[in-house]
């Protein structure tokens, strides 16, 4: 549940005898809650009513379970049999709550609730409480059918209670177009994973990027591939690898997934065919355009062999 409340901002209508200055009476009761007032309004002995204008509510679309309440404090300087109540104006018509006897010199909190719109005798709508349409909530204040002896009110407030509409990210999950935290993908980004277009945090892929893993277009942090496999097929999701790349199998066939490495390359199997003469090289092995050059450092000299 959620609530919004408004205090009076203007005098709307008056009937009967009230203290205060016409046009500014709202200023005496716009400080809810006020249990020990320095200013108040006294009503009597002629019965009547007093209502106020207020700033419009901004209840969000889709809200349900709406109710309207007038909250106020009243008291009387001398005990007697009189009546105090609240009043609202809806769609041009005034509606009064049930009355009570203020009974006592101590200011007491009062709450009068309208669970439904009294004009339509149906549930309040968002437009109703936001002041839109023919059944709009327009004013609130006080009412008395018997103001003898005089009684007092120290403050008043209009309150709307409602249940906000639920938010559901369904369908194409377009609501998650940008994320500033971490994303963990438990399966490969295949098909059309367009819900995640840009990530500014870390991306962790629990499976190799194979097939058409185009769901990841750009990463500004680290990319970790768990369960190292040969990057084959069309792994276009990873355009550039700026860190070290370790391949645990020979680069044979059409390993087009690895376009270039800027770190060390370690091959755990022999390069068969052209590089058979360099099997015992103890130093560096370089393969360039089908040529193998082996350099073997020995204690008495250097042997250099070039095979074509």
Protein backbone atom coordinates (compact mmCIF):
# COMPACT_ATOMS: atom_id res chain seq x y z
CA UNK A 1 0.00 0.00 0.00
CA UNK A 2 1.04 3.58 -0.61
CA UNK A 3 -0.33 6.95 0.47
CA UNK A 4 -0.32 10.56 -0.67
CA UNK A 5 -1.58 13.46 1.43
CA UNK A 6 -2.50 17.09 0.76
CA UNK A 7 -3.06 20.02 3.10
CA UNK A 8 -5.54 22.82 2.36
CA UNK A 9 -4.24 25.59 0.09
CA UNK A 10 -7.31 27.83 -0.26
CA UNK A 11 -10.81 28.47 1.06
CA UNK A 12 -13.40 26.79 -1.18
CA UNK A 13 -16.83 27.36 0.45
CA UNK A 14 -18.23 28.39 3.84
CA UNK A 15 -21.59 28.23 5.63
CA UNK A 16 -22.50 29.03 9.23
CA UNK A 17 -20.37 30.85 11.79
CA UNK A 18 -16.59 30.35 11.77
CA UNK A 19 -13.76 32.33 13.31
CA UNK A 20 -10.89 33.53 11.13
CA UNK A 21 -10.71 35.77 8.08
CA UNK A 22 -12.63 34.85 4.96
CA UNK A 23 -10.29 33.69 2.22
CA UNK A 24 -7.43 32.75 4.59
CA UNK A 25 -9.09 30.41 7.09
CA UNK A 26 -7.18 27.48 5.54
CA UNK A 27 -3.95 28.90 7.00
CA UNK A 28 -5.17 28.15 10.53
CA UNK A 29 -5.58 24.41 9.82
CA UNK A 30 -2.88 23.54 7.25
CA UNK A 31 -0.37 22.15 9.79
CA UNK A 32 -1.54 18.55 10.37
CA UNK A 33 -0.93 17.06 12.88
CA UNK A 34 -1.41 19.82 15.45
CA UNK A 35 -2.33 18.64 18.93
CA UNK A 36 -1.40 21.80 20.85
CA UNK A 37 -2.40 24.54 18.44
CA UNK A 38 -1.43 28.17 18.55
CA UNK A 39 -4.07 28.80 15.88
CA UNK A 40 -7.37 27.04 15.26
CA UNK A 41 -10.87 27.60 13.90
CA UNK A 42 -13.94 27.72 16.17
CA UNK A 43 -17.38 26.83 14.81
CA UNK A 44 -20.77 27.82 16.29
CA UNK A 45 -23.24 28.39 17.39
CA UNK A 46 -24.90 28.42 13.97
CA UNK A 47 -24.32 25.08 12.22
CA UNK A 48 -22.58 24.99 8.89
CA UNK A 49 -19.59 23.76 6.89
CA UNK A 50 -16.16 24.87 5.66
CA UNK A 51 -14.26 23.33 2.74
CA UNK A 52 -10.85 23.94 1.20
CA UNK A 53 -9.03 23.58 -2.10
CA UNK A 54 -5.84 21.53 -2.39
CA UNK A 55 -3.00 20.69 -4.79
CA UNK A 56 -3.84 17.84 -7.18
CA UNK A 57 -2.82 14.30 -6.34
CA UNK A 58 -0.52 12.36 -8.65
CA UNK A 59 -1.66 8.78 -8.13
CA UNK A 60 0.16 6.60 -10.73
CA UNK A 61 -1.70 4.89 -13.59
CA UNK A 62 -2.92 1.37 -12.86
CA UNK A 63 -3.29 1.93 -9.10
CA UNK A 64 -6.07 -0.09 -7.43
CA UNK A 65 -7.71 -0.37 -4.01
CA UNK A 66 -8.05 3.41 -3.75
CA UNK A 67 -9.67 5.03 -0.69
CA UNK A 68 -10.01 8.65 0.41
CA UNK A 69 -9.83 9.89 4.01
CA UNK A 70 -10.13 13.22 5.81
CA UNK A 71 -7.95 13.39 8.92
CA UNK A 72 -8.30 16.14 11.51
CA UNK A 73 -8.18 17.08 15.21
CA UNK A 74 -11.12 18.56 17.13
CA UNK A 75 -12.03 19.58 20.69
CA UNK A 76 -14.51 21.81 22.54
CA UNK A 77 -13.86 24.45 25.17
CA UNK A 78 -16.90 23.34 27.20
CA UNK A 79 -18.64 19.98 27.27
CA UNK A 80 -21.97 19.80 25.50
CA UNK A 81 -24.01 17.93 22.95
CA UNK A 82 -22.91 19.00 19.47
CA UNK A 83 -21.76 17.45 16.20
CA UNK A 84 -18.48 17.36 14.31
CA UNK A 85 -17.79 15.67 10.98
CA UNK A 86 -15.78 15.97 7.78
CA UNK A 87 -16.91 16.74 4.24
CA UNK A 88 -15.68 16.18 0.67
CA UNK A 89 -16.79 17.59 -2.66
CA UNK A 90 -16.93 15.19 -5.63
CA UNK A 91 -18.09 16.16 -9.12
CA UNK A 92 -19.81 19.31 -7.82
CA UNK A 93 -21.69 17.61 -4.97
CA UNK A 94 -20.87 17.70 -1.22
CA UNK A 95 -20.85 14.55 0.91
CA UNK A 96 -20.63 14.44 4.74
CA UNK A 97 -19.24 11.74 6.99
CA UNK A 98 -21.03 10.41 10.07
CA UNK A 99 -21.01 12.92 12.94
CA UNK A 100 -19.57 12.57 16.44
CA UNK A 101 -19.49 14.62 19.63
CA UNK A 102 -16.04 16.26 20.08
CA UNK A 103 -16.46 15.68 23.86
CA UNK A 104 -13.54 17.18 25.74
CA UNK A 105 -11.00 19.98 25.80
CA UNK A 106 -8.15 17.77 24.60
CA UNK A 107 -7.64 17.68 20.86
CA UNK A 108 -8.42 14.21 19.50
CA UNK A 109 -7.43 12.72 16.14
CA UNK A 110 -10.29 11.83 13.79
CA UNK A 111 -10.30 9.92 10.49
CA UNK A 112 -13.31 9.65 8.18
CA UNK A 113 -12.84 7.31 5.22
CA UNK A 114 -14.65 6.99 1.88
CA UNK A 115 -13.81 3.51 0.54
CA UNK A 116 -15.74 4.23 -2.66
CA UNK A 117 -16.63 7.32 -4.65
CA UNK A 118 -19.86 8.62 -3.06
CA UNK A 119 -21.07 10.08 -6.36
CA UNK A 120 -20.69 6.93 -8.47
CA UNK A 121 -21.10 4.47 -5.56
CA UNK A 122 -18.26 2.55 -7.21
CA UNK A 123 -14.55 2.14 -6.66
CA UNK A 124 -12.44 5.28 -6.89
CA UNK A 125 -10.50 5.56 -10.11
CA UNK A 126 -7.10 7.16 -10.63
CA UNK A 127 -8.75 9.97 -12.59
CA UNK A 128 -11.27 10.56 -9.79
CA UNK A 129 -8.66 11.21 -7.11
CA UNK A 130 -6.33 13.05 -9.48
CA UNK A 131 -9.10 15.56 -10.18
CA UNK A 132 -9.91 14.50 -13.73
CA UNK A 133 -13.38 14.01 -15.20
CA UNK A 134 -16.97 14.45 -14.08
CA UNK A 135 -16.51 12.49 -10.83
CA UNK A 136 -13.36 14.24 -9.64
CA UNK A 137 -12.42 14.85 -6.00
CA UNK A 138 -12.53 18.65 -5.67
CA UNK A 139 -12.51 19.85 -2.03
CA UNK A 140 -12.48 18.71 1.61
CA UNK A 141 -13.10 20.15 5.06
CA UNK A 142 -15.58 20.20 7.97
CA UNK A 143 -19.32 19.85 8.55
CA UNK A 144 -21.61 20.23 11.56
CA UNK A 145 -25.36 19.76 11.93
CA UNK A 146 -25.28 21.12 15.51
CA UNK A 147 -22.58 23.60 16.53
CA UNK A 148 -24.02 24.51 19.94
CA UNK A 149 -21.95 24.63 22.04
CA UNK A 150 -19.00 25.90 20.00
CA UNK A 151 -16.27 23.43 19.10
CA UNK A 152 -12.77 23.85 17.57
CA UNK A 153 -10.64 22.24 14.87
CA UNK A 154 -6.84 22.61 14.86
CA UNK A 155 -5.84 21.03 11.53
CA UNK A 156 -7.03 18.92 8.59
CA UNK A 157 -5.49 16.78 5.85
CA UNK A 158 -6.78 14.88 2.81
CA UNK A 159 -5.21 11.44 2.28
CA UNK A 160 -5.42 8.92 -0.58
CA UNK A 161 -4.38 5.30 0.01
CA UNK A 162 -3.81 2.94 -2.93
CA UNK A 163 -2.02 -0.15 -4.21
CA UNK A 164 0.49 0.65 -6.97
CA UNK A 165 0.29 -1.27 -10.23
CA UNK A 166 2.81 -4.16 -10.44
CA UNK A 167 5.77 -3.80 -12.78
CA UNK A 168 6.48 -6.90 -14.92
CA UNK A 169 9.42 -7.21 -17.32
CA UNK A 170 7.91 -9.61 -19.85
CA UNK A 171 8.06 -10.22 -23.57
CA UNK A 172 11.25 -8.90 -25.10
CA UNK A 173 12.57 -7.55 -21.76
CA UNK A 174 13.38 -4.27 -23.44
CA UNK A 175 13.43 -2.65 -20.03
CA UNK A 176 16.92 -4.07 -19.50
CA UNK A 177 18.62 -2.31 -22.39
CA UNK A 178 21.48 -1.03 -20.24
CA UNK A 179 22.97 -2.39 -17.05
CA UNK A 180 25.59 -0.83 -14.84
CA UNK A 181 26.25 -3.89 -12.69
CA UNK A 182 27.35 -7.45 -13.38
CA UNK A 183 25.54 -9.84 -15.71
CA UNK A 184 25.98 -13.58 -15.41
CA UNK A 185 24.74 -15.65 -18.35
CA UNK A 186 24.37 -19.31 -17.53
CA UNK A 187 23.92 -20.35 -21.14
CA UNK A 188 25.32 -19.20 -24.42
CA UNK A 189 23.83 -16.04 -25.90
CA UNK A 190 22.25 -17.57 -28.97
CA UNK A 191 19.32 -16.59 -31.11
CA UNK A 192 18.17 -13.01 -30.55
CA UNK A 193 19.17 -12.01 -27.02
CA UNK A 194 18.58 -8.37 -27.82
CA UNK A 195 17.46 -7.56 -24.28
CA UNK A 196 21.10 -7.05 -23.28
CA UNK A 197 22.82 -4.74 -25.73
CA UNK A 198 25.48 -3.01 -23.66
CA UNK A 199 27.13 -3.84 -20.37
CA UNK A 200 29.42 -1.58 -18.41
CA UNK A 201 30.31 -4.26 -15.88
CA UNK A 202 31.66 -7.79 -16.13
CA UNK A 203 30.15 -10.46 -18.37
CA UNK A 204 30.66 -14.09 -17.46
CA UNK A 205 29.80 -16.72 -20.06
CA UNK A 206 29.45 -20.22 -18.69
CA UNK A 207 29.75 -21.85 -22.12
CA UNK A 208 31.89 -21.32 -25.17
CA UNK A 209 30.89 -18.61 -27.65
CA UNK A 210 29.96 -20.76 -30.64
CA UNK A 211 27.37 -20.60 -33.35
CA UNK A 212 25.85 -17.16 -33.61
CA UNK A 213 26.58 -15.66 -30.21
CA UNK A 214 25.78 -12.13 -31.27
CA UNK A 215 23.95 -11.28 -28.05
CA UNK A 216 27.13 -9.74 -26.63
CA UNK A 217 28.16 -6.84 -28.85
CA UNK A 218 30.47 -4.87 -26.60
CA UNK A 219 32.10 -5.29 -23.23
CA UNK A 220 34.01 -2.60 -21.40
CA UNK A 221 35.30 -4.88 -18.66
CA UNK A 222 36.70 -8.43 -18.55
CA UNK A 223 35.32 -11.32 -20.57
CA UNK A 224 35.76 -14.79 -19.09
CA UNK A 225 35.12 -18.01 -20.99
CA UNK A 226 34.65 -20.94 -18.64
CA UNK A 227 35.34 -24.45 -19.89
CA UNK A 228 37.94 -23.57 -22.55
CA UNK A 229 37.05 -24.94 -25.96
CA UNK A 230 38.23 -24.29 -29.45
CA UNK A 231 36.77 -21.00 -30.64
CA UNK A 232 35.41 -22.25 -33.95
CA UNK A 233 32.41 -21.52 -36.10
CA UNK A 234 31.21 -17.93 -36.16
CA UNK A 235 32.03 -16.53 -32.75
CA UNK A 236 31.34 -13.00 -33.90
CA UNK A 237 30.14 -12.03 -30.44
CA UNK A 238 33.79 -11.61 -29.41
CA UNK A 239 35.43 -9.30 -31.92
CA UNK A 240 38.68 -8.63 -30.08
CA UNK A 241 40.50 -10.43 -27.27
CA UNK A 242 42.88 -7.99 -25.58
CA UNK A 243 44.06 -10.35 -22.86
CA UNK A 244 45.94 -13.64 -23.04
CA UNK A 245 44.39 -16.46 -25.05
CA UNK A 246 45.27 -20.06 -24.15
CA UNK A 247 44.45 -22.85 -26.58
CA UNK A 248 44.79 -26.41 -25.27
CA UNK A 249 44.49 -28.04 -28.68
CA UNK A 250 46.48 -27.78 -31.85
CA UNK A 251 45.62 -25.03 -34.31
CA UNK A 252 44.52 -27.28 -37.15
CA UNK A 253 41.78 -27.32 -39.71
CA UNK A 254 39.79 -24.09 -39.90
CA UNK A 255 40.23 -22.48 -36.46
CA UNK A 256 38.83 -19.22 -37.65
CA UNK A 257 37.63 -18.28 -34.19
CA UNK A 258 41.16 -17.10 -33.28
CA UNK A 259 42.09 -14.17 -35.50
CA UNK A 260 45.06 -12.86 -33.59
CA UNK A 261 46.79 -13.09 -30.23
CA UNK A 262 48.76 -10.34 -28.52
CA UNK A 263 50.11 -12.59 -25.75
CA UNK A 264 51.95 -15.91 -25.69
CA UNK A 265 50.91 -18.88 -27.85
CA UNK A 266 51.57 -22.30 -26.43
CA UNK A 267 51.01 -25.41 -28.57
CA UNK A 268 50.85 -28.71 -26.67
CA UNK A 269 51.17 -30.91 -29.79
CA UNK A 270 53.73 -30.98 -32.51
CA UNK A 271 53.21 -29.10 -35.72
CA UNK A 272 53.18 -32.12 -38.02
CA UNK A 273 54.31 -31.97 -41.62
CA UNK A 274 56.64 -29.04 -42.21
CA UNK A 275 57.95 -28.70 -38.65
CA UNK A 276 59.20 -32.32 -38.15
CA UNK A 277 62.86 -31.24 -38.23
CA UNK A 278 62.38 -28.91 -35.31
CA UNK A 279 61.14 -31.48 -32.82
CA UNK A 280 64.14 -31.13 -30.48
CA UNK A 281 64.46 -27.35 -30.48
CA UNK A 282 65.19 -26.17 -26.93
CA UNK A 283 64.77 -22.48 -27.67
CA UNK A 284 62.12 -20.58 -29.61
CA UNK A 285 60.10 -22.01 -32.47
CA UNK A 286 58.65 -19.65 -35.07
CA UNK A 287 56.35 -20.67 -37.86
CA UNK A 288 55.86 -18.05 -40.58
CA UNK A 289 54.17 -18.57 -43.97
CA UNK A 290 54.81 -22.31 -43.93
CA UNK A 291 58.52 -21.91 -42.89
CA UNK A 292 59.93 -23.34 -39.67
CA UNK A 293 63.15 -21.99 -38.16
CA UNK A 294 64.67 -23.86 -35.25
CA UNK A 295 67.40 -22.42 -33.09
CA UNK A 296 69.15 -24.81 -30.75
CA UNK A 297 71.58 -23.46 -28.19
CA UNK A 298 74.40 -25.84 -27.43
CA UNK A 299 77.38 -25.50 -25.13
CA UNK A 300 79.92 -25.12 -27.97
CA UNK A 301 78.11 -23.19 -30.60
CA UNK A 302 74.93 -22.51 -32.40
CA UNK A 303 73.10 -24.66 -34.90
CA UNK A 304 70.66 -22.91 -37.13
CA UNK A 305 68.49 -24.85 -39.54
CA UNK A 306 65.93 -23.61 -41.93
CA UNK A 307 63.42 -25.91 -43.47
CA UNK A 308 61.18 -25.09 -46.35
